[in-house]
Structure formats: structure tokens, C-alpha cells
N, C-alpha and C. Protein backbone atom coordinates (compact mmCIF):
# COMPACT_ATOMS: atom_id res chain seq x y z
N MET A 1 -48.98 40.33 55.66
CA MET A 1 -49.38 39.12 55.18
C MET A 1 -50.48 39.35 54.10
N ASP A 2 -50.49 38.59 53.10
CA ASP A 2 -51.50 38.69 52.01
C ASP A 2 -52.90 38.38 52.54
N PRO A 3 -53.92 39.33 52.23
CA PRO A 3 -55.28 39.13 52.82
C PRO A 3 -55.80 37.74 52.37
N TYR A 4 -55.42 37.28 51.18
CA TYR A 4 -56.02 36.02 50.78
C TYR A 4 -55.33 34.74 51.39
N LYS A 5 -54.25 34.94 52.05
CA LYS A 5 -53.55 33.99 52.87
C LYS A 5 -54.26 33.89 54.24
N ILE A 6 -54.62 35.09 54.71
CA ILE A 6 -55.23 35.24 56.07
C ILE A 6 -56.60 34.66 56.04
N ILE A 7 -57.41 34.95 55.09
CA ILE A 7 -58.80 34.46 55.03
C ILE A 7 -58.78 33.14 54.17
N LYS A 8 -58.89 32.08 54.76
CA LYS A 8 -58.85 30.75 53.98
C LYS A 8 -60.13 30.49 53.19
N HIS A 9 -61.24 30.43 53.87
CA HIS A 9 -62.55 30.27 53.29
C HIS A 9 -63.63 30.67 54.22
N PRO A 10 -64.85 31.00 53.68
CA PRO A 10 -66.00 31.24 54.62
C PRO A 10 -66.66 29.95 55.03
N LEU A 11 -67.40 29.99 56.15
CA LEU A 11 -68.12 28.89 56.65
C LEU A 11 -69.59 29.06 56.28
N SER A 12 -70.17 27.96 55.84
CA SER A 12 -71.55 27.95 55.56
C SER A 12 -72.13 26.79 56.37
N THR A 13 -72.45 27.11 57.71
CA THR A 13 -73.02 26.22 58.59
C THR A 13 -74.37 26.70 59.00
N GLU A 14 -75.15 25.90 59.73
CA GLU A 14 -76.49 26.42 60.22
C GLU A 14 -76.27 27.63 61.13
N LYS A 15 -75.29 27.53 61.95
CA LYS A 15 -74.94 28.66 62.99
C LYS A 15 -74.54 29.87 62.22
N SER A 16 -73.75 29.75 61.17
CA SER A 16 -73.30 30.95 60.49
C SER A 16 -74.48 31.57 59.70
N ILE A 17 -75.42 30.78 59.18
CA ILE A 17 -76.58 31.40 58.47
C ILE A 17 -77.49 32.09 59.44
N ARG A 18 -77.60 31.55 60.58
CA ARG A 18 -78.46 32.06 61.70
C ARG A 18 -77.84 33.40 62.12
N LEU A 19 -76.53 33.44 62.32
CA LEU A 19 -75.76 34.64 62.70
C LEU A 19 -75.92 35.73 61.62
N MET A 20 -75.87 35.33 60.37
CA MET A 20 -75.94 36.23 59.21
C MET A 20 -77.37 37.00 59.27
N ASN A 21 -78.33 36.19 59.49
CA ASN A 21 -79.65 36.77 59.46
C ASN A 21 -79.99 37.50 60.81
N ASP A 22 -79.53 37.12 61.97
CA ASP A 22 -79.91 37.74 63.29
C ASP A 22 -79.00 38.88 63.66
N GLN A 23 -77.59 38.71 63.38
CA GLN A 23 -76.63 39.65 64.01
C GLN A 23 -75.83 40.24 62.88
N ASN A 24 -76.06 40.13 61.66
CA ASN A 24 -75.24 40.65 60.54
C ASN A 24 -73.86 40.25 60.68
N LYS A 25 -73.60 38.94 60.90
CA LYS A 25 -72.15 38.37 61.06
C LYS A 25 -72.03 37.31 59.99
N LEU A 26 -70.75 37.09 59.60
CA LEU A 26 -70.27 35.99 58.69
C LEU A 26 -69.14 35.30 59.45
N ALA A 27 -69.04 33.99 59.19
CA ALA A 27 -67.96 33.25 59.82
C ALA A 27 -66.91 32.82 58.73
N PHE A 28 -65.64 32.88 59.06
CA PHE A 28 -64.52 32.60 58.17
C PHE A 28 -63.52 31.66 58.86
N VAL A 29 -62.99 30.77 58.09
CA VAL A 29 -61.81 30.00 58.58
C VAL A 29 -60.53 30.87 58.23
N VAL A 30 -59.72 31.17 59.26
CA VAL A 30 -58.63 32.04 59.01
C VAL A 30 -57.28 31.38 59.35
N HIS A 31 -56.15 31.99 58.94
CA HIS A 31 -54.80 31.47 59.26
C HIS A 31 -54.65 31.51 60.76
N SER A 32 -53.99 30.44 61.25
CA SER A 32 -53.91 30.23 62.71
C SER A 32 -53.09 31.35 63.43
N SER A 33 -52.21 32.03 62.64
CA SER A 33 -51.35 33.05 63.36
C SER A 33 -51.91 34.53 63.17
N ALA A 34 -53.08 34.58 62.42
CA ALA A 34 -53.65 35.85 62.26
C ALA A 34 -54.34 36.42 63.59
N ASN A 35 -54.12 37.69 63.79
CA ASN A 35 -54.76 38.25 65.00
C ASN A 35 -56.05 39.06 64.49
N LYS A 36 -56.84 39.53 65.39
CA LYS A 36 -58.09 40.26 65.04
C LYS A 36 -57.93 41.44 64.09
N SER A 37 -56.94 42.15 64.37
CA SER A 37 -56.61 43.38 63.43
C SER A 37 -56.26 43.00 62.06
N ASP A 38 -55.46 41.87 61.89
CA ASP A 38 -55.08 41.31 60.71
C ASP A 38 -56.37 40.82 59.83
N ILE A 39 -57.18 40.14 60.56
CA ILE A 39 -58.41 39.62 59.97
C ILE A 39 -59.41 40.81 59.47
N LYS A 40 -59.45 41.83 60.34
CA LYS A 40 -60.24 42.89 60.01
C LYS A 40 -59.79 43.74 58.74
N LYS A 41 -58.48 43.92 58.66
CA LYS A 41 -57.92 44.70 57.60
C LYS A 41 -58.06 43.80 56.36
N ALA A 42 -57.93 42.42 56.43
CA ALA A 42 -57.97 41.52 55.27
C ALA A 42 -59.30 41.61 54.64
N ILE A 43 -60.38 41.47 55.50
CA ILE A 43 -61.78 41.41 55.06
C ILE A 43 -62.18 42.80 54.52
N GLU A 44 -61.75 43.92 55.14
CA GLU A 44 -62.07 45.25 54.68
C GLU A 44 -61.48 45.36 53.33
N GLU A 45 -60.24 44.90 53.07
CA GLU A 45 -59.49 45.01 51.79
C GLU A 45 -60.19 44.24 50.62
N ILE A 46 -60.60 42.96 51.07
CA ILE A 46 -61.04 42.00 50.07
C ILE A 46 -62.51 42.48 49.59
N PHE A 47 -63.32 42.80 50.63
CA PHE A 47 -64.75 43.08 50.24
C PHE A 47 -65.09 44.50 50.28
N LYS A 48 -64.19 45.41 50.59
CA LYS A 48 -64.53 46.86 50.60
C LYS A 48 -65.69 47.26 51.46
N VAL A 49 -65.69 46.73 52.72
CA VAL A 49 -66.78 46.96 53.66
C VAL A 49 -66.22 47.52 55.00
N LYS A 50 -67.09 47.97 55.79
CA LYS A 50 -66.69 48.38 57.17
C LYS A 50 -67.21 47.22 58.15
N ILE A 51 -66.16 47.01 59.12
CA ILE A 51 -66.43 45.91 60.16
C ILE A 51 -66.51 46.58 61.49
N VAL A 52 -67.51 46.07 62.26
CA VAL A 52 -67.61 46.67 63.60
C VAL A 52 -66.85 45.82 64.61
N ASP A 53 -66.87 44.45 64.42
CA ASP A 53 -66.30 43.61 65.57
C ASP A 53 -65.78 42.31 64.87
N VAL A 54 -64.75 41.81 65.48
CA VAL A 54 -64.15 40.53 65.11
C VAL A 54 -63.98 39.61 66.33
N ASN A 55 -64.59 38.34 66.37
CA ASN A 55 -64.32 37.56 67.43
C ASN A 55 -63.72 36.28 66.80
N THR A 56 -62.74 35.74 67.52
CA THR A 56 -62.00 34.52 67.05
C THR A 56 -62.22 33.33 68.05
N TYR A 57 -62.11 32.20 67.45
CA TYR A 57 -62.44 31.01 68.15
C TYR A 57 -61.51 29.85 67.50
N VAL A 58 -60.81 29.13 68.29
CA VAL A 58 -60.00 28.01 67.85
C VAL A 58 -60.63 26.72 68.33
N MET A 59 -60.92 25.79 67.29
CA MET A 59 -61.39 24.47 67.53
C MET A 59 -60.78 23.41 66.78
N LYS A 60 -60.22 22.51 67.36
CA LYS A 60 -59.50 21.40 66.79
C LYS A 60 -58.44 21.79 65.75
N GLY A 61 -57.67 22.81 66.26
CA GLY A 61 -56.63 23.32 65.32
C GLY A 61 -57.00 24.26 64.20
N GLU A 62 -58.30 24.58 64.09
CA GLU A 62 -58.76 25.42 63.08
C GLU A 62 -59.21 26.75 63.72
N LYS A 63 -58.76 27.84 63.25
CA LYS A 63 -59.17 29.20 63.83
C LYS A 63 -60.28 29.75 62.98
N ARG A 64 -61.34 30.15 63.66
CA ARG A 64 -62.41 30.73 62.95
C ARG A 64 -62.69 32.20 63.43
N ALA A 65 -63.15 32.99 62.57
CA ALA A 65 -63.38 34.43 62.83
C ALA A 65 -64.84 34.75 62.57
N TYR A 66 -65.52 35.24 63.55
CA TYR A 66 -66.95 35.73 63.42
C TYR A 66 -66.86 37.27 63.25
N VAL A 67 -67.20 37.70 62.10
CA VAL A 67 -67.11 39.02 61.71
C VAL A 67 -68.40 39.82 61.62
N ARG A 68 -68.66 40.84 62.48
CA ARG A 68 -69.88 41.59 62.39
C ARG A 68 -69.67 42.87 61.61
N PHE A 69 -70.51 43.02 60.54
CA PHE A 69 -70.40 44.07 59.64
C PHE A 69 -71.25 45.27 60.16
N SER A 70 -70.90 46.45 59.61
CA SER A 70 -71.56 47.68 60.01
C SER A 70 -73.08 47.59 59.48
N PRO A 71 -73.99 48.39 60.03
CA PRO A 71 -75.40 48.38 59.61
C PRO A 71 -75.63 48.66 58.18
N GLU A 72 -74.78 49.55 57.54
CA GLU A 72 -75.01 49.88 56.23
C GLU A 72 -74.52 48.82 55.22
N THR A 73 -73.83 47.88 55.72
CA THR A 73 -73.40 46.69 54.95
C THR A 73 -73.98 45.35 55.34
N PRO A 74 -75.10 44.98 54.80
CA PRO A 74 -75.75 43.74 55.22
C PRO A 74 -74.79 42.45 54.88
N ALA A 75 -74.77 41.50 55.84
CA ALA A 75 -73.92 40.39 55.65
C ALA A 75 -74.50 39.54 54.53
N ILE A 76 -75.84 39.60 54.25
CA ILE A 76 -76.33 38.78 53.14
C ILE A 76 -75.81 39.22 51.85
N ASP A 77 -75.51 40.54 51.76
CA ASP A 77 -74.92 41.06 50.39
C ASP A 77 -73.60 40.30 50.20
N ILE A 78 -72.74 40.20 51.21
CA ILE A 78 -71.43 39.55 51.18
C ILE A 78 -71.59 38.12 50.92
N ALA A 79 -72.58 37.51 51.53
CA ALA A 79 -72.85 36.05 51.33
C ALA A 79 -73.28 35.82 49.90
N THR A 80 -73.98 36.74 49.28
CA THR A 80 -74.40 36.65 47.91
C THR A 80 -73.23 36.72 46.94
N GLN A 81 -72.25 37.61 47.28
CA GLN A 81 -71.04 37.63 46.48
C GLN A 81 -70.23 36.43 46.54
N LEU A 82 -70.27 35.79 47.78
CA LEU A 82 -69.45 34.45 47.94
C LEU A 82 -70.20 33.34 47.38
N GLY A 83 -71.56 33.44 47.01
CA GLY A 83 -72.30 32.37 46.37
C GLY A 83 -73.04 31.49 47.36
N PHE A 84 -73.27 32.03 48.62
CA PHE A 84 -74.06 31.27 49.63
C PHE A 84 -75.46 31.37 49.34
N MET A 85 -75.96 32.52 48.85
CA MET A 85 -77.37 32.77 48.71
C MET A 85 -77.77 32.82 47.30
């Protein structure tokens, strides 16, 4: 599957900003049929970064992925690329 179809858009909520600062994580809305390995490959391909962990969560029919980046890749740098900061 195309990485841009797997990753729909990033989330910019209070929780996602707190996770970005505290745990080096970003949150994304992803395709409902994507699994953790698909999400990991898609984000690594799009942003050219290393990912430590992916957690998924389904709420009201929307699948979210919380992605923890490696220590050498600050999540705030990715957020800056996306225009959050």
C-alpha cells in the first residue's frame, strides 16, 4: 500500500503536543486496515527517520497511531516539518 494512503494526517491535540515534548512521540490518523508494521514502514519512508515503537488505537471508527521516534530523531523536528511548530 502507498505510504501516503496509510498515513492520512497528523494529529495536533493537547495530548499529542504533550507526548511530543515528554516522550518523543507523534500521533497520526491512519488507514483503518493498516497494521503496526505498515505504519512503521510508511513513516520511515516518508520522513526518513528511525522508529522505536508504534501503538495503535481505534476510536469512533478512526484509527490513530502513536509513534515513538528514536532518541537521535526529536519528534519536534518532524512536527516542524509538518508545520506544527
